[in-house]
């Protein structure tokens, strides 16, 4: 049975400062050596993090929380503006299976105030909430794991990067493939010059399409707010609007006020090996060709499909590169060097060099073309360490074991910026010149208005 939501009266605050004052006195009793309590194959209590899941009613949150629970971490608290009775099916099932004793809150602020023993938070909400909740956690000195994209706007990404550096805690964005052998091998093939200089990349995703609608306008019919949902809390810093079921669950990704479309969902996975291996910084320009929609629709949702082109200058020893990303079910043209019967995956990237090409499909080992290229170099020179996985890296870093998270906010903010530049280009559908150092477009004031987000309803970052 789910625990009742706590009332304000029951949330008597015990501050983190008070907990730290007590910490010195009880250290001898709480830090227990592994050989005393650990047992064979068990994690001793002193090495377990106390974690909270914010956005716990969604399927991605339960996915991440399950990984942490399976790694013997304590899931002690959960928050979601939906009543637990209306959590998505798997989220309810995982709650019962992995963390049945976790205390449930409606408002994440009550959770942060009411759980002084927290070590970290897992933020898996709609994108418009990522920056605010993550910032609040960082300011409390909490290790933070935030789903991709890190933020909904570029200015938020830079703010979190600065805040994470100041907080000095473990941070990780939820692009979980970043810790995989496949992506590291992709980078190593580029770096050992197997492909030759890479000057063009084609990447694509099957989102959005059947996953959620895009290219649609704001609903005009009235709808009653479900009794199980705190709609004002769900909106948070976003502009007020009447409730519609069309905004909630996974559908929020297509709405510009709440999500970042296909790029926000899959770009941080698919473009991760591209961004990393090619040592990308700021592009000089980005532009998009999209399906045509009325202006009223463009203000609400992303285009049904788009082809987005980034141009990057030379970097270190690497030449200028053009990166083309296809959304809405469009796929990259098949390079002539690929066999005619080779079936391209639904999501992936092709890096094209002077010596050959490489397919980098999310979660799969890279494939080289022509076949002779792979025969000459079946395994690239290893220069990147291999770790257990994305979740364990964050846990170990939060425990202070010296591990550095690969997708910490220093890295993740840059990858997120790349993705968000594409979402802006898709909304504007005009060539944009980007001044990355000054975080502004040189030729489009409307696009500059999308770089920042003015929080509403009394919320501030």
Protein backbone atom coordinates (compact mmCIF):
# COMPACT_ATOMS: atom_id res chain seq x y z
CA UNK A 1 0.00 0.00 0.00
CA UNK A 2 1.32 3.44 -0.89
CA UNK A 3 2.09 5.72 2.02
CA UNK A 4 -0.11 8.82 2.35
CA UNK A 5 1.30 12.06 1.07
CA UNK A 6 2.74 14.04 4.00
CA UNK A 7 1.04 17.23 5.08
CA UNK A 8 2.83 20.50 5.70
CA UNK A 9 2.40 19.95 9.43
CA UNK A 10 4.08 16.57 9.23
CA UNK A 11 7.00 18.03 7.31
CA UNK A 12 8.76 19.59 10.28
CA UNK A 13 12.06 20.65 8.79
CA UNK A 14 15.36 19.39 10.09
CA UNK A 15 17.99 21.31 8.15
CA UNK A 16 21.05 19.88 6.45
CA UNK A 17 23.12 22.24 8.62
CA UNK A 18 21.64 20.62 11.75
CA UNK A 19 22.47 17.20 10.36
CA UNK A 20 26.06 18.23 9.71
CA UNK A 21 26.37 19.52 13.29
CA UNK A 22 25.37 16.09 14.55
CA UNK A 23 27.56 14.33 12.02
CA UNK A 24 30.83 14.75 13.94
CA UNK A 25 29.34 13.28 17.08
CA UNK A 26 27.91 10.18 15.44
CA UNK A 27 30.62 9.46 12.88
CA UNK A 28 32.08 6.62 14.88
CA UNK A 29 28.72 4.88 14.90
CA UNK A 30 27.68 5.45 11.28
CA UNK A 31 30.86 4.72 9.34
CA UNK A 32 31.29 0.98 9.54
CA UNK A 33 34.13 -0.91 7.82
CA UNK A 34 33.20 -3.23 4.97
CA UNK A 35 34.58 -6.28 6.77
CA UNK A 36 32.27 -5.67 9.74
CA UNK A 37 28.86 -5.32 8.05
CA UNK A 38 29.40 -5.89 4.39
CA UNK A 39 29.35 -9.63 4.05
CA UNK A 40 30.22 -11.48 0.90
CA UNK A 41 28.83 -9.69 -2.14
CA UNK A 42 26.96 -7.10 -0.07
CA UNK A 43 27.34 -3.35 0.12
CA UNK A 44 27.81 -2.18 3.73
CA UNK A 45 25.31 0.45 4.91
CA UNK A 46 28.04 3.09 5.25
CA UNK A 47 28.70 2.89 1.51
CA UNK A 48 25.08 3.23 0.42
CA UNK A 49 23.77 6.56 -0.79
CA UNK A 50 20.42 7.88 0.34
CA UNK A 51 18.75 8.92 -2.91
CA UNK A 52 15.51 10.62 -3.88
CA UNK A 53 13.69 10.27 -7.21
CA UNK A 54 11.98 13.41 -8.48
CA UNK A 55 9.49 12.72 -11.25
CA UNK A 56 9.00 9.26 -9.79
CA UNK A 57 5.69 8.62 -11.51
CA UNK A 58 7.24 8.52 -14.97
CA UNK A 59 8.73 5.49 -16.65
CA UNK A 60 12.21 6.94 -17.13
CA UNK A 61 12.52 7.76 -13.43
CA UNK A 62 11.62 4.22 -12.41
CA UNK A 63 14.15 2.97 -14.97
CA UNK A 64 16.98 4.95 -13.37
CA UNK A 65 15.87 4.32 -9.78
CA UNK A 66 15.77 0.59 -10.44
CA UNK A 67 19.38 0.71 -11.61
CA UNK A 68 20.43 2.46 -8.42
CA UNK A 69 18.38 0.09 -6.25
CA UNK A 70 19.95 -2.89 -8.00
CA UNK A 71 23.33 -1.38 -7.10
CA UNK A 72 22.31 -1.55 -3.42
CA UNK A 73 21.64 2.18 -2.97
CA UNK A 74 18.85 3.38 -0.69
CA UNK A 75 15.89 5.00 -2.44
CA UNK A 76 14.45 6.86 0.53
CA UNK A 77 12.07 9.42 -0.99
CA UNK A 78 10.02 10.08 -4.12
CA UNK A 79 8.23 13.15 -5.47
CA UNK A 80 5.75 13.66 -8.30
CA UNK A 81 2.86 16.10 -8.91
CA UNK A 82 0.71 13.08 -9.77
CA UNK A 83 -0.84 11.05 -6.97
CA UNK A 84 0.79 7.60 -6.77
CA UNK A 85 -2.50 6.01 -7.85
CA UNK A 86 -1.97 7.62 -11.27
CA UNK A 87 1.71 6.86 -11.75
CA UNK A 88 2.48 5.08 -14.99
CA UNK A 89 2.18 1.31 -14.69
CA UNK A 90 5.86 0.33 -14.57
CA UNK A 91 6.58 3.18 -12.13
CA UNK A 92 4.05 1.76 -9.68
CA UNK A 93 5.40 -1.76 -10.15
CA UNK A 94 8.99 -0.72 -9.58
CA UNK A 95 8.00 1.25 -6.49
CA UNK A 96 6.56 -1.90 -4.95
CA UNK A 97 9.46 -4.08 -6.08
CA UNK A 98 12.54 -1.95 -5.44
CA UNK A 99 11.76 0.81 -2.93
CA UNK A 100 8.43 0.14 -1.18
CA UNK A 101 9.48 2.05 1.95
CA UNK A 102 10.40 5.29 0.18
CA UNK A 103 8.48 8.28 1.52
CA UNK A 104 6.24 9.90 -1.09
CA UNK A 105 5.87 13.66 -1.57
CA UNK A 106 3.88 15.70 -4.05
CA UNK A 107 6.18 18.78 -4.06
CA UNK A 108 9.91 18.23 -4.49
CA UNK A 109 10.61 21.23 -2.23
CA UNK A 110 8.91 19.45 0.65
CA UNK A 111 11.09 16.43 -0.09
CA UNK A 112 14.31 18.44 -0.01
CA UNK A 113 13.26 20.12 3.25
CA UNK A 114 11.97 16.93 4.83
CA UNK A 115 14.90 14.60 4.04
CA UNK A 116 18.04 16.01 5.69
CA UNK A 117 19.92 12.74 5.28
CA UNK A 118 19.88 12.81 1.48
CA UNK A 119 23.13 12.24 -0.42
CA UNK A 120 21.79 12.72 -3.93
CA UNK A 121 18.78 13.23 -6.19
CA UNK A 122 17.70 11.68 -9.47
CA UNK A 123 15.84 14.26 -11.57
CA UNK A 124 13.61 12.74 -14.25
CA UNK A 125 10.85 15.25 -14.92
CA UNK A 126 9.65 17.00 -18.08
CA UNK A 127 12.51 19.10 -19.46
CA UNK A 128 11.13 22.44 -18.29
CA UNK A 129 11.76 21.37 -14.69
CA UNK A 130 15.31 20.00 -15.08
CA UNK A 131 17.25 23.21 -14.44
CA UNK A 132 15.27 24.46 -11.45
CA UNK A 133 15.21 21.19 -9.50
CA UNK A 134 18.82 20.40 -10.35
CA UNK A 135 19.94 23.87 -9.28
CA UNK A 136 18.10 23.54 -5.95
CA UNK A 137 19.84 20.21 -5.35
CA UNK A 138 23.27 21.57 -6.22
CA UNK A 139 22.82 24.51 -3.87
CA UNK A 140 22.14 22.02 -1.08
CA UNK A 141 25.37 20.21 -1.86
CA UNK A 142 23.63 17.10 -3.19
CA UNK A 143 25.05 14.82 -5.84
CA UNK A 144 22.77 15.12 -8.86
CA UNK A 145 21.82 12.76 -11.69
CA UNK A 146 19.63 14.57 -14.23
CA UNK A 147 18.09 13.01 -17.30
CA UNK A 148 18.88 14.23 -20.79
CA UNK A 149 18.73 16.85 -22.10
CA UNK A 150 20.30 18.56 -19.11
CA UNK A 151 18.07 21.62 -19.59
CA UNK A 152 15.44 23.06 -21.91
CA UNK A 153 17.41 26.23 -22.75
CA UNK A 154 21.04 27.06 -23.42
CA UNK A 155 21.29 29.69 -20.68
CA UNK A 156 20.08 27.12 -18.14
CA UNK A 157 22.76 24.68 -19.29
CA UNK A 158 25.49 27.23 -18.68
CA UNK A 159 24.03 28.13 -15.29
CA UNK A 160 24.08 24.48 -14.19
CA UNK A 161 27.64 24.05 -15.45
CA UNK A 162 28.78 26.96 -13.27
CA UNK A 163 26.73 25.80 -10.28
CA UNK A 164 28.11 22.26 -10.48
CA UNK A 165 31.67 23.55 -10.50
CA UNK A 166 30.93 25.66 -7.44
CA UNK A 167 29.15 22.84 -5.60
CA UNK A 168 31.93 20.34 -6.25
CA UNK A 169 29.55 17.35 -6.09
CA UNK A 170 29.16 14.36 -8.39
CA UNK A 171 27.00 15.16 -11.42
CA UNK A 172 25.86 13.04 -14.33
CA UNK A 173 23.45 13.51 -17.22
CA UNK A 174 21.36 10.48 -18.11
CA UNK A 175 22.82 9.73 -21.54
CA UNK A 176 23.69 6.28 -20.23
CA UNK A 177 25.50 5.08 -23.35
CA UNK A 178 28.39 7.43 -22.53
CA UNK A 179 29.99 4.82 -20.29
CA UNK A 180 29.73 2.05 -22.88
CA UNK A 181 32.55 0.28 -24.67
CA UNK A 182 30.86 1.01 -28.01
CA UNK A 183 31.08 4.80 -27.71
CA UNK A 184 34.65 4.71 -26.44
CA UNK A 185 35.68 2.49 -29.30
CA UNK A 186 33.97 4.91 -31.71
CA UNK A 187 36.09 7.75 -30.30
CA UNK A 188 39.27 5.68 -30.47
CA UNK A 189 38.71 4.81 -34.13
CA UNK A 190 38.48 8.54 -34.91
CA UNK A 191 41.47 9.46 -32.77
CA UNK A 192 43.80 6.80 -34.18
CA UNK A 193 43.05 8.06 -37.71
CA UNK A 194 41.41 4.86 -38.89
CA UNK A 195 38.87 6.90 -40.87
CA UNK A 196 41.18 9.72 -41.85
CA UNK A 197 40.02 13.30 -41.26
CA UNK A 198 36.24 13.41 -40.70
CA UNK A 199 34.57 16.30 -42.51
CA UNK A 200 30.95 15.15 -42.63
CA UNK A 201 28.52 13.33 -40.32
CA UNK A 202 24.96 12.19 -40.95
CA UNK A 203 22.83 11.30 -37.90
CA UNK A 204 19.15 10.48 -37.53
CA UNK A 205 16.35 9.40 -35.21
CA UNK A 206 12.92 7.88 -35.72
CA UNK A 207 11.45 10.29 -33.15
CA UNK A 208 8.88 11.86 -32.90
CA UNK A 209 6.19 10.31 -35.11
CA UNK A 210 4.48 7.44 -33.30
CA UNK A 211 6.07 8.36 -29.96
CA UNK A 212 4.34 11.72 -29.47
CA UNK A 213 2.72 14.33 -31.77
CA UNK A 214 4.52 17.34 -33.23
CA UNK A 215 3.40 19.91 -35.79
CA UNK A 216 0.11 20.45 -33.91
CA UNK A 217 -1.39 23.56 -32.36
CA UNK A 218 -2.64 24.25 -28.86
CA UNK A 219 -5.87 22.42 -27.93
CA UNK A 220 -8.95 24.63 -27.94
CA UNK A 221 -11.37 22.44 -26.00
CA UNK A 222 -11.71 22.68 -22.23
CA UNK A 223 -10.63 19.86 -19.94
CA UNK A 224 -11.01 19.31 -16.24
CA UNK A 225 -7.86 18.89 -14.16
CA UNK A 226 -7.74 15.35 -12.72
CA UNK A 227 -8.13 15.31 -8.95
CA UNK A 228 -4.95 13.23 -8.78
CA UNK A 229 -2.78 15.94 -10.38
CA UNK A 230 -1.42 19.21 -8.99
CA UNK A 231 -1.52 21.03 -12.35
CA UNK A 232 0.06 24.26 -11.07
CA UNK A 233 2.97 22.27 -9.69
CA UNK A 234 3.31 20.30 -12.93
CA UNK A 235 3.59 23.60 -14.85
CA UNK A 236 5.98 25.13 -12.35
CA UNK A 237 8.10 27.81 -14.07
CA UNK A 238 6.33 27.40 -17.43
CA UNK A 239 3.65 29.82 -18.61
CA UNK A 240 0.16 29.16 -17.26
CA UNK A 241 -2.27 27.35 -19.54
CA UNK A 242 -5.39 25.25 -19.01
CA UNK A 243 -4.83 21.56 -18.38
CA UNK A 244 -4.93 19.17 -21.31
CA UNK A 245 -4.08 15.49 -21.28
CA UNK A 246 -2.16 16.16 -24.51
CA UNK A 247 0.60 17.88 -22.50
CA UNK A 248 1.26 15.08 -20.04
CA UNK A 249 2.99 11.74 -19.88
CA UNK A 250 5.48 11.32 -22.73
CA UNK A 251 3.59 13.76 -24.97
CA UNK A 252 5.18 16.78 -23.30
CA UNK A 253 8.34 16.23 -25.35
CA UNK A 254 6.78 17.71 -28.47
CA UNK A 255 5.67 20.99 -26.83
CA UNK A 256 8.23 23.80 -26.94
CA UNK A 257 7.29 25.05 -23.45
CA UNK A 258 7.90 21.67 -21.84
CA UNK A 259 10.31 19.60 -23.93
CA UNK A 260 13.00 19.62 -26.57
CA UNK A 261 11.46 17.37 -29.21
CA UNK A 262 13.24 14.57 -31.01
CA UNK A 263 16.65 16.13 -30.50
CA UNK A 264 16.09 16.42 -26.76
CA UNK A 265 14.97 12.83 -26.52
CA UNK A 266 17.54 11.07 -28.70
CA UNK A 267 20.10 13.70 -29.73
CA UNK A 268 22.01 13.38 -26.46
CA UNK A 269 22.43 9.67 -27.25
CA UNK A 270 23.04 9.72 -30.98
CA UNK A 271 25.21 12.85 -31.11
CA UNK A 272 27.20 11.90 -28.00
CA UNK A 273 29.87 9.90 -29.91
CA UNK A 274 29.97 12.63 -32.56
CA UNK A 275 30.40 15.46 -30.06
CA UNK A 276 33.01 13.53 -28.06
CA UNK A 277 35.09 11.99 -30.84
CA UNK A 278 35.24 15.15 -32.95
CA UNK A 279 36.05 17.40 -29.96
CA UNK A 280 33.27 19.79 -30.85
CA UNK A 281 32.92 23.19 -29.25
CA UNK A 282 30.67 25.93 -30.57
CA UNK A 283 29.39 25.73 -34.15
CA UNK A 284 29.60 28.80 -36.35
CA UNK A 285 26.15 28.22 -37.82
CA UNK A 286 23.07 26.01 -37.64
CA UNK A 287 20.08 25.87 -39.94
CA UNK A 288 17.08 23.64 -40.53
CA UNK A 289 14.79 22.56 -43.33
CA UNK A 290 11.47 21.47 -41.88
CA UNK A 291 7.94 20.46 -42.65
CA UNK A 292 5.80 23.58 -43.13
CA UNK A 293 3.48 24.63 -40.32
CA UNK A 294 1.57 27.85 -39.54
CA UNK A 295 3.21 30.29 -37.16
CA UNK A 296 0.63 29.51 -34.47
CA UNK A 297 1.68 25.85 -34.60
CA UNK A 298 5.42 26.64 -34.51
CA UNK A 299 4.88 28.55 -31.27
CA UNK A 300 3.49 25.42 -29.66
CA UNK A 301 5.21 22.31 -30.99
CA UNK A 302 8.27 21.34 -32.97
CA UNK A 303 7.95 20.53 -36.69
CA UNK A 304 6.82 17.08 -37.68
CA UNK A 305 10.20 16.45 -39.31
CA UNK A 306 13.40 18.43 -39.78
CA UNK A 307 16.87 18.25 -41.32
CA UNK A 308 19.28 20.27 -39.19
CA UNK A 309 22.77 21.23 -40.38
CA UNK A 310 25.57 22.31 -38.03
CA UNK A 311 28.88 23.74 -39.24
CA UNK A 312 31.91 23.61 -36.98
CA UNK A 313 35.31 25.26 -37.54
CA UNK A 314 38.66 23.46 -37.39
CA UNK A 315 39.55 22.16 -33.91
CA UNK A 316 43.06 21.23 -32.82
CA UNK A 317 44.26 18.85 -35.56
CA UNK A 318 40.76 18.30 -36.97
CA UNK A 319 39.35 19.99 -40.09
CA UNK A 320 36.03 21.85 -40.31
CA UNK A 321 33.08 19.49 -40.18
CA UNK A 322 29.44 19.56 -41.26
CA UNK A 323 26.95 17.58 -39.17
CA UNK A 324 23.47 16.86 -40.50
CA UNK A 325 20.75 15.52 -38.18
CA UNK A 326 17.46 14.08 -39.48
CA UNK A 327 14.31 13.84 -37.32
CA UNK A 328 10.73 12.67 -37.73
CA UNK A 329 11.58 9.32 -39.28
CA UNK A 330 13.84 10.73 -42.01
CA UNK A 331 17.09 8.84 -42.48
CA UNK A 332 20.48 9.76 -43.79
CA UNK A 333 21.33 9.00 -47.42
CA UNK A 334 23.17 5.71 -47.73
CA UNK A 335 26.87 6.31 -48.47
CA UNK A 336 27.99 4.62 -51.70
CA UNK A 337 30.66 2.81 -49.71
CA UNK A 338 27.94 0.87 -47.82
CA UNK A 339 26.75 -2.46 -49.31
CA UNK A 340 23.45 -1.99 -51.14
CA UNK A 341 21.75 -4.61 -48.94
CA UNK A 342 22.98 -3.12 -45.64
CA UNK A 343 19.98 -2.03 -43.57
CA UNK A 344 20.43 1.21 -41.65
CA UNK A 345 19.15 1.20 -38.05
CA UNK A 346 16.27 3.41 -36.89
CA UNK A 347 18.67 5.62 -34.89
CA UNK A 348 22.35 6.19 -35.59
CA UNK A 349 25.18 8.27 -37.00
CA UNK A 350 27.60 7.83 -39.89
CA UNK A 351 31.01 9.51 -39.64
CA UNK A 352 32.58 9.99 -43.07
CA UNK A 353 36.36 10.26 -43.32
CA UNK A 354 38.86 10.38 -46.15
CA UNK A 355 39.72 6.69 -45.75
CA UNK A 356 36.30 5.26 -44.97
CA UNK A 357 33.11 5.56 -42.95
CA UNK A 358 31.87 4.35 -39.59
CA UNK A 359 28.34 3.63 -38.40
CA UNK A 360 27.76 4.44 -34.74
CA UNK A 361 24.42 3.00 -33.64
CA UNK A 362 23.39 3.70 -30.05
CA UNK A 363 24.50 0.85 -27.80
CA UNK A 364 26.11 -1.16 -30.63
CA UNK A 365 29.72 -1.67 -31.59
CA UNK A 366 30.85 0.65 -34.41
CA UNK A 367 30.89 -0.79 -37.93
CA UNK A 368 33.57 0.24 -40.45
CA UNK A 369 33.21 0.52 -44.22
CA UNK A 370 34.72 -0.64 -46.49
CA UNK A 371 35.18 -4.07 -44.97
CA UNK A 372 38.92 -3.89 -45.67
CA UNK A 373 39.17 -1.01 -43.19
CA UNK A 374 37.93 -3.24 -40.39
CA UNK A 375 40.27 -6.01 -41.48
CA UNK A 376 43.24 -3.66 -41.29
CA UNK A 377 42.28 -2.36 -37.86
CA UNK A 378 39.81 -4.69 -36.10
CA UNK A 379 40.37 -2.92 -32.76
CA UNK A 380 41.51 0.69 -32.29
CA UNK A 381 44.23 1.66 -29.86
CA UNK A 382 42.61 1.92 -26.45
CA UNK A 383 43.10 5.28 -24.77
CA UNK A 384 39.88 5.54 -22.75
CA UNK A 385 39.30 3.59 -19.55
CA UNK A 386 36.35 1.20 -19.36
CA UNK A 387 34.15 1.30 -16.29
CA UNK A 388 31.21 -0.76 -15.08
CA UNK A 389 28.37 1.48 -16.29
CA UNK A 390 26.89 4.98 -16.21
CA UNK A 391 24.97 4.54 -12.94
CA UNK A 392 27.84 2.93 -11.05
CA UNK A 393 30.16 5.73 -12.14
CA UNK A 394 27.86 8.30 -10.55
CA UNK A 395 27.41 6.27 -7.37
CA UNK A 396 31.16 5.81 -6.99
CA UNK A 397 31.81 9.49 -7.68
CA UNK A 398 29.17 10.52 -5.13
CA UNK A 399 30.77 8.23 -2.56
CA UNK A 400 34.06 10.04 -3.06
CA UNK A 401 36.04 7.14 -4.48
CA UNK A 402 37.91 9.29 -6.99
CA UNK A 403 35.80 8.34 -9.99
CA UNK A 404 34.96 11.17 -12.39
CA UNK A 405 31.65 10.92 -14.22
CA UNK A 406 32.07 10.96 -17.98
CA UNK A 407 28.91 12.96 -18.61
CA UNK A 408 29.33 15.36 -15.70
CA UNK A 409 27.77 18.76 -16.18
CA UNK A 410 30.97 20.23 -17.64
CA UNK A 411 30.63 17.81 -20.55
CA UNK A 412 26.86 17.44 -20.55
CA UNK A 413 26.19 21.16 -20.77
CA UNK A 414 28.12 21.39 -24.05
CA UNK A 415 26.38 18.39 -25.59
CA UNK A 416 23.04 19.78 -24.44
CA UNK A 417 23.84 23.13 -26.05
CA UNK A 418 24.47 21.39 -29.35
CA UNK A 419 21.11 19.66 -29.15
CA UNK A 420 19.26 22.83 -28.15
CA UNK A 421 20.78 24.86 -30.97
CA UNK A 422 19.15 22.36 -33.29
CA UNK A 423 15.76 22.76 -31.62
CA UNK A 424 15.97 26.53 -32.04
CA UNK A 425 16.93 26.18 -35.70
CA UNK A 426 13.96 23.87 -36.25
CA UNK A 427 11.59 26.42 -34.73
CA UNK A 428 12.99 29.37 -36.70
CA UNK A 429 13.70 27.53 -39.97
CA UNK A 430 16.23 30.15 -41.09
CA UNK A 431 20.06 30.07 -41.23
CA UNK A 432 21.48 31.14 -37.87
CA UNK A 433 24.97 32.45 -37.12
CA UNK A 434 26.06 31.51 -33.61
CA UNK A 435 28.45 33.40 -31.33
CA UNK A 436 29.06 30.72 -28.75
CA UNK A 437 31.36 32.71 -26.51
CA UNK A 438 28.72 35.39 -26.04
CA UNK A 439 25.76 32.99 -26.19
CA UNK A 440 23.87 34.82 -28.90
CA UNK A 441 22.85 34.61 -32.52
CA UNK A 442 24.34 37.32 -34.71
CA UNK A 443 21.48 37.55 -37.16
CA UNK A 444 18.15 36.70 -35.54
CA UNK A 445 16.54 38.37 -32.54
CA UNK A 446 13.67 35.90 -32.42
CA UNK A 447 16.12 33.03 -32.07
CA UNK A 448 17.93 34.90 -29.29
CA UNK A 449 14.65 34.96 -27.41
CA UNK A 450 14.79 31.16 -27.30
CA UNK A 451 18.28 31.00 -25.79
CA UNK A 452 16.91 32.14 -22.41
CA UNK A 453 13.77 31.33 -20.49
CA UNK A 454 11.99 33.81 -18.27
CA UNK A 455 10.59 31.86 -15.36
CA UNK A 456 6.98 32.64 -14.45
CA UNK A 457 4.63 32.41 -11.48
CA UNK A 458 7.21 33.48 -8.94
CA UNK A 459 9.75 30.79 -9.84
CA UNK A 460 13.41 31.72 -10.30
CA UNK A 461 16.49 29.74 -11.16
